[in-house]
């Protein structure tokens, strides 16, 4: 079991920056993939960025060059640095952890709201 708690969301003007954090209840060293997803009102949840246990990263085209995902295994925390924010980045941002053993276990946080004003 892994509990995930996101923080760092808020209201920011376009062009500004925010850093989201996702604190895990246990060591993330062995978590195969962690990621950030977002869901805007009336839209489906979409991938923002992922990072593997080997630090391989993957980004949605819409955030490439603006967002950076990272993980601190010592602090059991996942981060998302968001720069040059746009109004279309407004959404609830969720943290996800995927653990692959004999089965695949998926855990989600409850989300943090990010609002970008024009």
PDB file of N, CA and C in Angstrom:
ATOM      1  N   UNK A   1       0.838  -1.195   0.000  1.00  0.00           N
ATOM      2  CA  UNK A   1       0.000   0.000   0.000  1.00  0.00           C
ATOM      3  C   UNK A   1       0.870   1.241   0.000  1.00  0.00           C
ATOM      4  N   UNK A   2       0.438   2.227  -0.746  1.00  0.00           N
ATOM      5  CA  UNK A   2       1.120   3.523  -0.784  1.00  0.00           C
ATOM      6  C   UNK A   2       0.067   4.612  -0.730  1.00  0.00           C
ATOM      7  N   UNK A   3       0.170   5.481   0.251  1.00  0.00           N
ATOM      8  CA  UNK A   3      -0.677   6.667   0.265  1.00  0.00           C
ATOM      9  C   UNK A   3       0.120   7.826  -0.333  1.00  0.00           C
ATOM     10  N   UNK A   4      -0.553   8.602  -1.174  1.00  0.00           N
ATOM     11  CA  UNK A   4       0.085   9.715  -1.868  1.00  0.00           C
ATOM     12  C   UNK A   4      -0.667  11.002  -1.530  1.00  0.00           C
ATOM     13  N   UNK A   5       0.060  12.037  -1.171  1.00  0.00           N
ATOM     14  CA  UNK A   5      -0.549  13.319  -0.832  1.00  0.00           C
ATOM     15  C   UNK A   5       0.125  14.420  -1.634  1.00  0.00           C
ATOM     16  N   UNK A   6      -0.665  15.059  -2.491  1.00  0.00           N
ATOM     17  CA  UNK A   6      -0.155  16.160  -3.305  1.00  0.00           C
ATOM     18  C   UNK A   6      -0.255  17.486  -2.567  1.00  0.00           C
ATOM     19  N   UNK A   7       0.636  18.394  -2.910  1.00  0.00           N
ATOM     20  CA  UNK A   7       0.592  19.751  -2.373  1.00  0.00           C
ATOM     21  C   UNK A   7       1.289  20.692  -3.351  1.00  0.00           C
ATOM     22  N   UNK A   8       1.117  21.990  -3.122  1.00  0.00           N
ATOM     23  CA  UNK A   8       1.817  22.972  -3.936  1.00  0.00           C
ATOM     24  C   UNK A   8       0.968  23.657  -4.983  1.00  0.00           C
ATOM     25  N   UNK A   9      -0.281  23.231  -5.120  1.00  0.00           N
ATOM     26  CA  UNK A   9      -1.146  23.888  -6.093  1.00  0.00           C
ATOM     27  C   UNK A   9      -1.544  25.271  -5.617  1.00  0.00           C
ATOM     28  N   UNK A  10      -2.203  26.000  -6.506  1.00  0.00           N
ATOM     29  CA  UNK A  10      -2.646  27.337  -6.155  1.00  0.00           C
ATOM     30  C   UNK A  10      -3.023  28.138  -7.366  1.00  0.00           C
ATOM     31  N   UNK A  11      -3.163  29.438  -7.148  1.00  0.00           N
ATOM     32  CA  UNK A  11      -3.527  30.376  -8.212  1.00  0.00           C
ATOM     33  C   UNK A  11      -2.272  31.142  -8.623  1.00  0.00           C
ATOM     34  N   UNK A  12      -2.022  31.188  -9.919  1.00  0.00           N
ATOM     35  CA  UNK A  12      -0.841  31.883 -10.427  1.00  0.00           C
ATOM     36  C   UNK A  12      -1.205  32.556 -11.744  1.00  0.00           C
ATOM     37  N   UNK A  13      -0.530  33.646 -12.051  1.00  0.00           N
ATOM     38  CA  UNK A  13      -0.766  34.323 -13.323  1.00  0.00           C
ATOM     39  C   UNK A  13      -0.037  33.597 -14.454  1.00  0.00           C
ATOM     40  N   UNK A  14      -0.542  33.766 -15.648  1.00  0.00           N
ATOM     41  CA  UNK A  14       0.120  33.191 -16.816  1.00  0.00           C
ATOM     42  C   UNK A  14       1.575  33.657 -16.882  1.00  0.00           C
ATOM     43  N   UNK A  15       2.443  32.708 -17.200  1.00  0.00           N
ATOM     44  CA  UNK A  15       3.872  32.991 -17.223  1.00  0.00           C
ATOM     45  C   UNK A  15       4.574  32.671 -15.926  1.00  0.00           C
ATOM     46  N   UNK A  16       3.803  32.423 -14.880  1.00  0.00           N
ATOM     47  CA  UNK A  16       4.372  32.129 -13.577  1.00  0.00           C
ATOM     48  C   UNK A  16       4.777  30.678 -13.417  1.00  0.00           C
ATOM     49  N   UNK A  17       5.211  30.351 -12.203  1.00  0.00           N
ATOM     50  CA  UNK A  17       5.707  29.012 -11.900  1.00  0.00           C
ATOM     51  C   UNK A  17       5.079  28.470 -10.621  1.00  0.00           C
ATOM     52  N   UNK A  18       5.000  27.157 -10.561  1.00  0.00           N
ATOM     53  CA  UNK A  18       4.596  26.446  -9.347  1.00  0.00           C
ATOM     54  C   UNK A  18       5.403  25.159  -9.278  1.00  0.00           C
ATOM     55  N   UNK A  19       5.604  24.668  -8.064  1.00  0.00           N
ATOM     56  CA  UNK A  19       6.214  23.353  -7.898  1.00  0.00           C
ATOM     57  C   UNK A  19       5.264  22.485  -7.083  1.00  0.00           C
ATOM     58  N   UNK A  20       4.834  21.409  -7.692  1.00  0.00           N
ATOM     59  CA  UNK A  20       3.973  20.452  -7.002  1.00  0.00           C
ATOM     60  C   UNK A  20       4.827  19.375  -6.336  1.00  0.00           C
ATOM     61  N   UNK A  21       4.341  18.901  -5.200  1.00  0.00           N
ATOM     62  CA  UNK A  21       4.997  17.814  -4.486  1.00  0.00           C
ATOM     63  C   UNK A  21       3.997  16.686  -4.261  1.00  0.00           C
ATOM     64  N   UNK A  22       4.493  15.475  -4.235  1.00  0.00           N
ATOM     65  CA  UNK A  22       3.676  14.306  -3.932  1.00  0.00           C
ATOM     66  C   UNK A  22       4.445  13.484  -2.912  1.00  0.00           C
ATOM     67  N   UNK A  23       3.969  13.510  -1.665  1.00  0.00           N
ATOM     68  CA  UNK A  23       4.635  12.787  -0.590  1.00  0.00           C
ATOM     69  C   UNK A  23       4.047  11.387  -0.474  1.00  0.00           C
ATOM     70  N   UNK A  24       4.915  10.402  -0.455  1.00  0.00           N
ATOM     71  CA  UNK A  24       4.488   9.008  -0.344  1.00  0.00           C
ATOM     72  C   UNK A  24       4.632   8.523   1.093  1.00  0.00           C
ATOM     73  N   UNK A  25       3.780   7.560   1.453  1.00  0.00           N
ATOM     74  CA  UNK A  25       3.751   7.064   2.833  1.00  0.00           C
ATOM     75  C   UNK A  25       4.868   6.073   3.123  1.00  0.00           C
ATOM     76  N   UNK A  26       5.546   5.624   2.076  1.00  0.00           N
ATOM     77  CA  UNK A  26       6.659   4.714   2.264  1.00  0.00           C
ATOM     78  C   UNK A  26       7.721   4.976   1.213  1.00  0.00           C
ATOM     79  N   UNK A  27       8.786   4.229   1.261  1.00  0.00           N
ATOM     80  CA  UNK A  27       9.868   4.408   0.311  1.00  0.00           C
ATOM     81  C   UNK A  27       9.385   4.288  -1.131  1.00  0.00           C
ATOM     82  N   UNK A  28       9.832   5.223  -1.965  1.00  0.00           N
ATOM     83  CA  UNK A  28       9.469   5.164  -3.382  1.00  0.00           C
ATOM     84  C   UNK A  28      10.577   4.526  -4.217  1.00  0.00           C
ATOM     85  N   UNK A  29      11.628   4.072  -3.572  1.00  0.00           N
ATOM     86  CA  UNK A  29      12.781   3.535  -4.294  1.00  0.00           C
ATOM     87  C   UNK A  29      12.371   2.406  -5.226  1.00  0.00           C
ATOM     88  N   UNK A  30      11.474   1.558  -4.772  1.00  0.00           N
ATOM     89  CA  UNK A  30      11.099   0.388  -5.554  1.00  0.00           C
ATOM     90  C   UNK A  30       9.836   0.591  -6.384  1.00  0.00           C
ATOM     91  N   UNK A  31       9.290   1.795  -6.372  1.00  0.00           N
ATOM     92  CA  UNK A  31       8.103   2.060  -7.190  1.00  0.00           C
ATOM     93  C   UNK A  31       8.545   2.194  -8.641  1.00  0.00           C
ATOM     94  N   UNK A  32       7.984   1.381  -9.510  1.00  0.00           N
ATOM     95  CA  UNK A  32       8.467   1.283 -10.882  1.00  0.00           C
ATOM     96  C   UNK A  32       8.284   2.581 -11.676  1.00  0.00           C
ATOM     97  N   UNK A  33       7.088   3.142 -11.574  1.00  0.00           N
ATOM     98  CA  UNK A  33       6.795   4.363 -12.316  1.00  0.00           C
ATOM     99  C   UNK A  33       5.977   5.295 -11.425  1.00  0.00           C
ATOM    100  N   UNK A  34       6.344   6.556 -11.421  1.00  0.00           N
ATOM    101  CA  UNK A  34       5.525   7.582 -10.781  1.00  0.00           C
ATOM    102  C   UNK A  34       5.211   8.645 -11.814  1.00  0.00           C
ATOM    103  N   UNK A  35       4.067   9.275 -11.625  1.00  0.00           N
ATOM    104  CA  UNK A  35       3.693  10.251 -12.643  1.00  0.00           C
ATOM    105  C   UNK A  35       2.725  11.289 -12.146  1.00  0.00           C
ATOM    106  N   UNK A  36       2.584  12.306 -12.958  1.00  0.00           N
ATOM    107  CA  UNK A  36       1.609  13.367 -12.745  1.00  0.00           C
ATOM    108  C   UNK A  36       0.590  13.324 -13.880  1.00  0.00           C
ATOM    109  N   UNK A  37      -0.655  13.430 -13.509  1.00  0.00           N
ATOM    110  CA  UNK A  37      -1.759  13.488 -14.449  1.00  0.00           C
ATOM    111  C   UNK A  37      -2.609  14.709 -14.083  1.00  0.00           C
ATOM    112  N   UNK A  38      -3.417  15.156 -15.010  1.00  0.00           N
ATOM    113  CA  UNK A  38      -4.290  16.297 -14.699  1.00  0.00           C
ATOM    114  C   UNK A  38      -5.651  16.110 -15.336  1.00  0.00           C
ATOM    115  N   UNK A  39      -6.622  16.766 -14.738  1.00  0.00           N
ATOM    116  CA  UNK A  39      -7.992  16.695 -15.248  1.00  0.00           C
ATOM    117  C   UNK A  39      -8.626  18.061 -15.135  1.00  0.00           C
ATOM    118  N   UNK A  40      -8.973  18.626 -16.274  1.00  0.00           N
ATOM    119  CA  UNK A  40      -9.671  19.901 -16.329  1.00  0.00           C
ATOM    120  C   UNK A  40     -11.170  19.640 -16.296  1.00  0.00           C
ATOM    121  N   UNK A  41     -11.962  20.627 -15.900  1.00  0.00           N
ATOM    122  CA  UNK A  41     -13.418  20.438 -15.842  1.00  0.00           C
ATOM    123  C   UNK A  41     -13.974  19.990 -17.181  1.00  0.00           C
ATOM    124  N   UNK A  42     -14.766  18.925 -17.148  1.00  0.00           N
ATOM    125  CA  UNK A  42     -15.383  18.423 -18.363  1.00  0.00           C
ATOM    126  C   UNK A  42     -14.469  17.630 -19.270  1.00  0.00           C
ATOM    127  N   UNK A  43     -13.235  17.422 -18.828  1.00  0.00           N
ATOM    128  CA  UNK A  43     -12.267  16.711 -19.657  1.00  0.00           C
ATOM    129  C   UNK A  43     -11.861  15.401 -18.993  1.00  0.00           C
ATOM    130  N   UNK A  44     -11.254  14.516 -19.781  1.00  0.00           N
ATOM    131  CA  UNK A  44     -10.723  13.279 -19.224  1.00  0.00           C
ATOM    132  C   UNK A  44      -9.367  13.538 -18.572  1.00  0.00           C
ATOM    133  N   UNK A  45      -9.024  12.683 -17.641  1.00  0.00           N
ATOM    134  CA  UNK A  45      -7.720  12.781 -17.015  1.00  0.00           C
ATOM    135  C   UNK A  45      -6.643  12.460 -18.056  1.00  0.00           C
ATOM    136  N   UNK A  46      -5.577  13.261 -18.079  1.00  0.00           N
ATOM    137  CA  UNK A  46      -4.533  13.061 -19.070  1.00  0.00           C
ATOM    138  C   UNK A  46      -3.161  13.023 -18.423  1.00  0.00           C
ATOM    139  N   UNK A  47      -2.250  12.332 -19.105  1.00  0.00           N
ATOM    140  CA  UNK A  47      -0.885  12.234 -18.625  1.00  0.00           C
ATOM    141  C   UNK A  47      -0.179  13.573 -18.787  1.00  0.00           C
ATOM    142  N   UNK A  48       0.578  13.949 -17.766  1.00  0.00           N
ATOM    143  CA  UNK A  48       1.427  15.138 -17.848  1.00  0.00           C
ATOM    144  C   UNK A  48       2.885  14.707 -17.998  1.00  0.00           C
ATOM    145  N   UNK A  49       3.334  13.861 -17.052  1.00  0.00           N
ATOM    146  CA  UNK A  49       4.726  13.417 -17.083  1.00  0.00           C
ATOM    147  C   UNK A  49       4.876  12.179 -16.219  1.00  0.00           C
ATOM    148  N   UNK A  50       5.818  11.322 -16.587  1.00  0.00           N
ATOM    149  CA  UNK A  50       6.136  10.153 -15.778  1.00  0.00           C
ATOM    150  C   UNK A  50       7.639  10.031 -15.604  1.00  0.00           C
ATOM    151  N   UNK A  51       8.020   9.287 -14.566  1.00  0.00           N
ATOM    152  CA  UNK A  51       9.433   9.013 -14.321  1.00  0.00           C
ATOM    153  C   UNK A  51       9.550   7.605 -13.769  1.00  0.00           C
ATOM    154  N   UNK A  52      10.503   6.840 -14.293  1.00  0.00           N
ATOM    155  CA  UNK A  52      10.686   5.470 -13.844  1.00  0.00           C
ATOM    156  C   UNK A  52      11.678   5.403 -12.685  1.00  0.00           C
ATOM    157  N   UNK A  53      11.811   4.218 -12.132  1.00  0.00           N
ATOM    158  CA  UNK A  53      12.782   4.018 -11.057  1.00  0.00           C
ATOM    159  C   UNK A  53      14.200   4.231 -11.558  1.00  0.00           C
ATOM    160  N   UNK A  54      14.391   4.122 -12.854  1.00  0.00           N
ATOM    161  CA  UNK A  54      15.701   4.392 -13.447  1.00  0.00           C
ATOM    162  C   UNK A  54      15.857   5.814 -13.934  1.00  0.00           C
ATOM    163  N   UNK A  55      14.896   6.676 -13.555  1.00  0.00           N
ATOM    164  CA  UNK A  55      14.924   8.108 -13.889  1.00  0.00           C
ATOM    165  C   UNK A  55      14.704   8.403 -15.368  1.00  0.00           C
ATOM    166  N   UNK A  56      14.086   7.490 -16.073  1.00  0.00           N
ATOM    167  CA  UNK A  56      13.665   7.796 -17.444  1.00  0.00           C
ATOM    168  C   UNK A  56      12.380   8.607 -17.385  1.00  0.00           C
ATOM    169  N   UNK A  57      12.342   9.712 -18.096  1.00  0.00           N
ATOM    170  CA  UNK A  57      11.184  10.599 -18.044  1.00  0.00           C
ATOM    171  C   UNK A  57      10.430  10.616 -19.361  1.00  0.00           C
ATOM    172  N   UNK A  58       9.174  10.981 -19.256  1.00  0.00           N
ATOM    173  CA  UNK A  58       8.308  11.085 -20.428  1.00  0.00           C
ATOM    174  C   UNK A  58       7.346  12.237 -20.181  1.00  0.00           C
ATOM    175  N   UNK A  59       7.122  13.071 -21.210  1.00  0.00           N
ATOM    176  CA  UNK A  59       6.270  14.245 -21.055  1.00  0.00           C
ATOM    177  C   UNK A  59       5.220  14.308 -22.147  1.00  0.00           C
ATOM    178  N   UNK A  60       4.067  14.852 -21.785  1.00  0.00           N
ATOM    179  CA  UNK A  60       3.081  15.199 -22.798  1.00  0.00           C
ATOM    180  C   UNK A  60       3.662  16.313 -23.661  1.00  0.00           C
ATOM    181  N   UNK A  61       3.318  16.299 -24.942  1.00  0.00           N
ATOM    182  CA  UNK A  61       3.838  17.323 -25.850  1.00  0.00           C
ATOM    183  C   UNK A  61       3.499  18.726 -25.372  1.00  0.00           C
ATOM    184  N   UNK A  62       2.338  18.869 -24.760  1.00  0.00           N
ATOM    185  CA  UNK A  62       1.867  20.194 -24.360  1.00  0.00           C
ATOM    186  C   UNK A  62       2.700  20.824 -23.241  1.00  0.00           C
ATOM    187  N   UNK A  63       3.492  20.008 -22.534  1.00  0.00           N
ATOM    188  CA  UNK A  63       4.267  20.550 -21.407  1.00  0.00           C
ATOM    189  C   UNK A  63       5.774  20.436 -21.612  1.00  0.00           C
ATOM    190  N   UNK A  64       6.189  19.820 -22.696  1.00  0.00           N
ATOM    191  CA  UNK A  64       7.630  19.651 -22.951  1.00  0.00           C
ATOM    192  C   UNK A  64       8.323  21.001 -22.993  1.00  0.00           C
ATOM    193  N   UNK A  65       9.447  21.078 -22.302  1.00  0.00           N
ATOM    194  CA  UNK A  65      10.215  22.320 -22.253  1.00  0.00           C
ATOM    195  C   UNK A  65       9.750  23.289 -21.190  1.00  0.00           C
ATOM    196  N   UNK A  66       8.607  23.027 -20.577  1.00  0.00           N
ATOM    197  CA  UNK A  66       8.081  23.910 -19.528  1.00  0.00           C
ATOM    198  C   UNK A  66       8.020  23.228 -18.173  1.00  0.00           C
ATOM    199  N   UNK A  67       7.719  21.937 -18.155  1.00  0.00           N
ATOM    200  CA  UNK A  67       7.573  21.186 -16.912  1.00  0.00           C
ATOM    201  C   UNK A  67       8.738  20.216 -16.754  1.00  0.00           C
ATOM    202  N   UNK A  68       9.112  19.974 -15.483  1.00  0.00           N
ATOM    203  CA  UNK A  68      10.162  19.006 -15.192  1.00  0.00           C
ATOM    204  C   UNK A  68       9.715  18.114 -14.036  1.00  0.00           C
ATOM    205  N   UNK A  69       9.748  16.811 -14.282  1.00  0.00           N
ATOM    206  CA  UNK A  69       9.397  15.849 -13.246  1.00  0.00           C
ATOM    207  C   UNK A  69      10.683  15.312 -12.616  1.00  0.00           C
ATOM    208  N   UNK A  70      10.638  15.095 -11.305  1.00  0.00           N
ATOM    209  CA  UNK A  70      11.795  14.531 -10.619  1.00  0.00           C
ATOM    210  C   UNK A  70      11.311  13.767  -9.392  1.00  0.00           C
ATOM    211  N   UNK A  71      12.169  12.902  -8.900  1.00  0.00           N
ATOM    212  CA  UNK A  71      11.835  12.131  -7.705  1.00  0.00           C
ATOM    213  C   UNK A  71      13.019  12.155  -6.740  1.00  0.00           C
ATOM    214  N   UNK A  72      12.715  12.296  -5.462  1.00  0.00           N
ATOM    215  CA  UNK A  72      13.733  12.282  -4.420  1.00  0.00           C
ATOM    216  C   UNK A  72      13.479  11.042  -3.575  1.00  0.00           C
ATOM    217  N   UNK A  73      14.237   9.999  -3.820  1.00  0.00           N
ATOM    218  CA  UNK A  73      14.015   8.740  -3.112  1.00  0.00           C
ATOM    219  C   UNK A  73      14.291   8.889  -1.616  1.00  0.00           C
ATOM    220  N   UNK A  74      15.221   9.735  -1.254  1.00  0.00           N
ATOM    221  CA  UNK A  74      15.545   9.920   0.165  1.00  0.00           C
ATOM    222  C   UNK A  74      14.391  10.576   0.923  1.00  0.00           C
ATOM    223  N   UNK A  75      13.654  11.450   0.214  1.00  0.00           N
ATOM    224  CA  UNK A  75      12.526  12.153   0.834  1.00  0.00           C
ATOM    225  C   UNK A  75      11.188  11.498   0.515  1.00  0.00           C
ATOM    226  N   UNK A  76      11.217  10.408  -0.255  1.00  0.00           N
ATOM    227  CA  UNK A  76       9.973   9.719  -0.651  1.00  0.00           C
ATOM    228  C   UNK A  76       8.993  10.681  -1.305  1.00  0.00           C
ATOM    229  N   UNK A  77       9.500  11.537  -2.170  1.00  0.00           N
ATOM    230  CA  UNK A  77       8.684  12.605  -2.749  1.00  0.00           C
ATOM    231  C   UNK A  77       8.897  12.715  -4.248  1.00  0.00           C
ATOM    232  N   UNK A  78       7.802  12.935  -4.940  1.00  0.00           N
ATOM    233  CA  UNK A  78       7.805  13.202  -6.370  1.00  0.00           C
ATOM    234  C   UNK A  78       7.516  14.683  -6.559  1.00  0.00           C
ATOM    235  N   UNK A  79       8.181  15.298  -7.545  1.00  0.00           N
ATOM    236  CA  UNK A  79       7.998  16.722  -7.799  1.00  0.00           C
ATOM    237  C   UNK A  79       7.585  16.977  -9.245  1.00  0.00           C
ATOM    238  N   UNK A  80       6.930  18.115  -9.436  1.00  0.00           N
ATOM    239  CA  UNK A  80       6.677  18.611 -10.787  1.00  0.00           C
ATOM    240  C   UNK A  80       6.925  20.112 -10.765  1.00  0.00           C
ATOM    241  N   UNK A  81       8.002  20.527 -11.389  1.00  0.00           N
ATOM    242  CA  UNK A  81       8.298  21.943 -11.535  1.00  0.00           C
ATOM    243  C   UNK A  81       7.608  22.437 -12.794  1.00  0.00           C
ATOM    244  N   UNK A  82       6.747  23.427 -12.646  1.00  0.00           N
ATOM    245  CA  UNK A  82       5.964  23.938 -13.764  1.00  0.00           C
ATOM    246  C   UNK A  82       6.334  25.399 -13.999  1.00  0.00           C
ATOM    247  N   UNK A  83       6.897  25.679 -15.147  1.00  0.00           N
ATOM    248  CA  UNK A  83       7.277  27.042 -15.522  1.00  0.00           C
ATOM    249  C   UNK A  83       6.462  27.503 -16.726  1.00  0.00           C
ATOM    250  N   UNK A  84       6.474  28.790 -16.963  1.00  0.00           N
ATOM    251  CA  UNK A  84       5.763  29.376 -18.115  1.00  0.00           C
ATOM    252  C   UNK A  84       4.336  28.857 -18.189  1.00  0.00           C
ATOM    253  N   UNK A  85       3.652  28.915 -17.082  1.00  0.00           N
ATOM    254  CA  UNK A  85       2.300  28.367 -17.021  1.00  0.00           C
ATOM    255  C   UNK A  85       1.335  29.133 -17.916  1.00  0.00           C
ATOM    256  N   UNK A  86       0.376  28.395 -18.457  1.00  0.00           N
ATOM    257  CA  UNK A  86      -0.634  28.942 -19.360  1.00  0.00           C
ATOM    258  C   UNK A  86      -2.015  28.679 -18.769  1.00  0.00           C
ATOM    259  N   UNK A  87      -3.007  29.476 -19.147  1.00  0.00           N
ATOM    260  CA  UNK A  87      -4.370  29.219 -18.644  1.00  0.00           C
ATOM    261  C   UNK A  87      -4.841  27.793 -18.944  1.00  0.00           C
ATOM    262  N   UNK A  88      -4.406  27.224 -20.051  1.00  0.00           N
ATOM    263  CA  UNK A  88      -4.836  25.862 -20.386  1.00  0.00           C
ATOM    264  C   UNK A  88      -4.187  24.799 -19.503  1.00  0.00           C
ATOM    265  N   UNK A  89      -3.267  25.182 -18.643  1.00  0.00           N
ATOM    266  CA  UNK A  89      -2.714  24.250 -17.660  1.00  0.00           C
ATOM    267  C   UNK A  89      -3.614  24.121 -16.426  1.00  0.00           C
ATOM    268  N   UNK A  90      -4.657  24.932 -16.368  1.00  0.00           N
ATOM    269  CA  UNK A  90      -5.578  24.872 -15.239  1.00  0.00           C
ATOM    270  C   UNK A  90      -6.238  23.502 -15.161  1.00  0.00           C
ATOM    271  N   UNK A  91      -6.125  22.871 -13.995  1.00  0.00           N
ATOM    272  CA  UNK A  91      -6.664  21.519 -13.807  1.00  0.00           C
ATOM    273  C   UNK A  91      -6.398  21.079 -12.375  1.00  0.00           C
ATOM    274  N   UNK A  92      -6.982  19.957 -12.017  1.00  0.00           N
ATOM    275  CA  UNK A  92      -6.577  19.261 -10.803  1.00  0.00           C
ATOM    276  C   UNK A  92      -5.451  18.306 -11.195  1.00  0.00           C
ATOM    277  N   UNK A  93      -4.351  18.383 -10.478  1.00  0.00           N
ATOM    278  CA  UNK A  93      -3.184  17.565 -10.768  1.00  0.00           C
ATOM    279  C   UNK A  93      -3.101  16.415  -9.767  1.00  0.00           C
ATOM    280  N   UNK A  94      -2.952  15.215 -10.318  1.00  0.00           N
ATOM    281  CA  UNK A  94      -2.934  13.997  -9.517  1.00  0.00           C
ATOM    282  C   UNK A  94      -1.575  13.303  -9.627  1.00  0.00           C
ATOM    283  N   UNK A  95      -1.180  12.717  -8.530  1.00  0.00           N
ATOM    284  CA  UNK A  95       0.032  11.902  -8.466  1.00  0.00           C
ATOM    285  C   UNK A  95      -0.370  10.430  -8.576  1.00  0.00           C
ATOM    286  N   UNK A  96       0.421   9.664  -9.310  1.00  0.00           N
ATOM    287  CA  UNK A  96       0.136   8.240  -9.512  1.00  0.00           C
ATOM    288  C   UNK A  96       1.401   7.430  -9.291  1.00  0.00           C
ATOM    289  N   UNK A  97       1.234   6.292  -8.639  1.00  0.00           N
ATOM    290  CA  UNK A  97       2.358   5.368  -8.441  1.00  0.00           C
ATOM    291  C   UNK A  97       1.971   3.997  -8.978  1.00  0.00           C
ATOM    292  N   UNK A  98       2.867   3.380  -9.730  1.00  0.00           N
ATOM    293  CA  UNK A  98       2.638   2.049 -10.293  1.00  0.00           C
ATOM    294  C   UNK A  98       3.716   1.106  -9.775  1.00  0.00           C
ATOM    295  N   UNK A  99       3.270   0.034  -9.120  1.00  0.00           N
ATOM    296  CA  UNK A  99       4.183  -0.971  -8.579  1.00  0.00           C
ATOM    297  C   UNK A  99       3.920  -2.287  -9.302  1.00  0.00           C
ATOM    298  N   UNK A 100       4.941  -2.829  -9.909  1.00  0.00           N
ATOM    299  CA  UNK A 100       4.797  -4.068 -10.692  1.00  0.00           C
ATOM    300  C   UNK A 100       5.511  -5.198  -9.963  1.00  0.00           C
ATOM    301  N   UNK A 101       4.703  -6.148  -9.493  1.00  0.00           N
ATOM    302  CA  UNK A 101       5.255  -7.372  -8.904  1.00  0.00           C
ATOM    303  C   UNK A 101       4.643  -8.517  -9.699  1.00  0.00           C
ATOM    304  N   UNK A 102       4.010  -9.473  -9.061  1.00  0.00           N
ATOM    305  CA  UNK A 102       3.287 -10.484  -9.815  1.00  0.00           C
ATOM    306  C   UNK A 102       2.034  -9.887 -10.436  1.00  0.00           C
ATOM    307  N   UNK A 103       1.538  -8.825  -9.834  1.00  0.00           N
ATOM    308  CA  UNK A 103       0.436  -8.038 -10.383  1.00  0.00           C
ATOM    309  C   UNK A 103       0.890  -6.588 -10.468  1.00  0.00           C
ATOM    310  N   UNK A 104       0.076  -5.785 -11.116  1.00  0.00           N
ATOM    311  CA  UNK A 104       0.348  -4.350 -11.166  1.00  0.00           C
ATOM    312  C   UNK A 104      -0.569  -3.641 -10.190  1.00  0.00           C
ATOM    313  N   UNK A 105       0.031  -2.885  -9.305  1.00  0.00           N
ATOM    314  CA  UNK A 105      -0.724  -2.139  -8.310  1.00  0.00           C
ATOM    315  C   UNK A 105      -0.613  -0.651  -8.654  1.00  0.00           C
ATOM    316  N   UNK A 106      -1.764   0.023  -8.664  1.00  0.00           N
ATOM    317  CA  UNK A 106      -1.810   1.436  -9.009  1.00  0.00           C
ATOM    318  C   UNK A 106      -2.413   2.224  -7.854  1.00  0.00           C
ATOM    319  N   UNK A 107      -1.756   3.315  -7.518  1.00  0.00           N
ATOM    320  CA  UNK A 107      -2.201   4.165  -6.417  1.00  0.00           C
ATOM    321  C   UNK A 107      -2.304   5.607  -6.916  1.00  0.00           C
ATOM    322  N   UNK A 108      -3.324   6.306  -6.435  1.00  0.00           N
ATOM    323  CA  UNK A 108      -3.561   7.702  -6.802  1.00  0.00           C
ATOM    324  C   UNK A 108      -3.653   8.564  -5.563  1.00  0.00           C
ATOM    325  N   UNK A 109      -3.196   9.794  -5.690  1.00  0.00           N
ATOM    326  CA  UNK A 109      -3.462  10.790  -4.676  1.00  0.00           C
ATOM    327  C   UNK A 109      -4.810  11.434  -4.917  1.00  0.00           C
ATOM    328  N   UNK A 110      -5.177  12.385  -4.049  1.00  0.00           N
ATOM    329  CA  UNK A 110      -6.481  13.034  -4.172  1.00  0.00           C
ATOM    330  C   UNK A 110      -6.438  14.290  -5.029  1.00  0.00           C
ATOM    331  N   UNK A 111      -5.277  14.735  -5.375  1.00  0.00           N
ATOM    332  CA  UNK A 111      -5.162  15.853  -6.288  1.00  0.00           C
ATOM    333  C   UNK A 111      -4.950  17.192  -5.619  1.00  0.00           C
ATOM    334  N   UNK A 112      -4.398  18.110  -6.409  1.00  0.00           N
ATOM    335  CA  UNK A 112      -4.217  19.496  -5.965  1.00  0.00           C
ATOM    336  C   UNK A 112      -4.602  20.410  -7.121  1.00  0.00           C
ATOM    337  N   UNK A 113      -5.334  21.473  -6.806  1.00  0.00           N
ATOM    338  CA  UNK A 113      -5.852  22.363  -7.847  1.00  0.00           C
ATOM    339  C   UNK A 113      -4.782  23.359  -8.279  1.00  0.00           C
ATOM    340  N   UNK A 114      -4.624  23.485  -9.583  1.00  0.00           N
ATOM    341  CA  UNK A 114      -3.771  24.514 -10.179  1.00  0.00           C
ATOM    342  C   UNK A 114      -4.646  25.384 -11.056  1.00  0.00           C
ATOM    343  N   UNK A 115      -4.640  26.673 -10.792  1.00  0.00           N
ATOM    344  CA  UNK A 115      -5.416  27.621 -11.585  1.00  0.00           C
ATOM    345  C   UNK A 115      -4.482  28.696 -12.114  1.00  0.00           C
ATOM    346  N   UNK A 116      -4.496  28.874 -13.436  1.00  0.00           N
ATOM    347  CA  UNK A 116      -3.645  29.868 -14.085  1.00  0.00           C
ATOM    348  C   UNK A 116      -4.543  30.932 -14.689  1.00  0.00           C
ATOM    349  N   UNK A 117      -4.382  32.153 -14.210  1.00  0.00           N
ATOM    350  CA  UNK A 117      -5.204  33.256 -14.719  1.00  0.00           C
ATOM    351  C   UNK A 117      -4.513  33.914 -15.910  1.00  0.00           C
ATOM    352  N   UNK A 118      -5.314  34.458 -16.846  1.00  0.00           N
ATOM    353  CA  UNK A 118      -4.734  35.093 -18.046  1.00  0.00           C
ATOM    354  C   UNK A 118      -3.880  36.309 -17.697  1.00  0.00           C
TER     355      UNK A 118
END
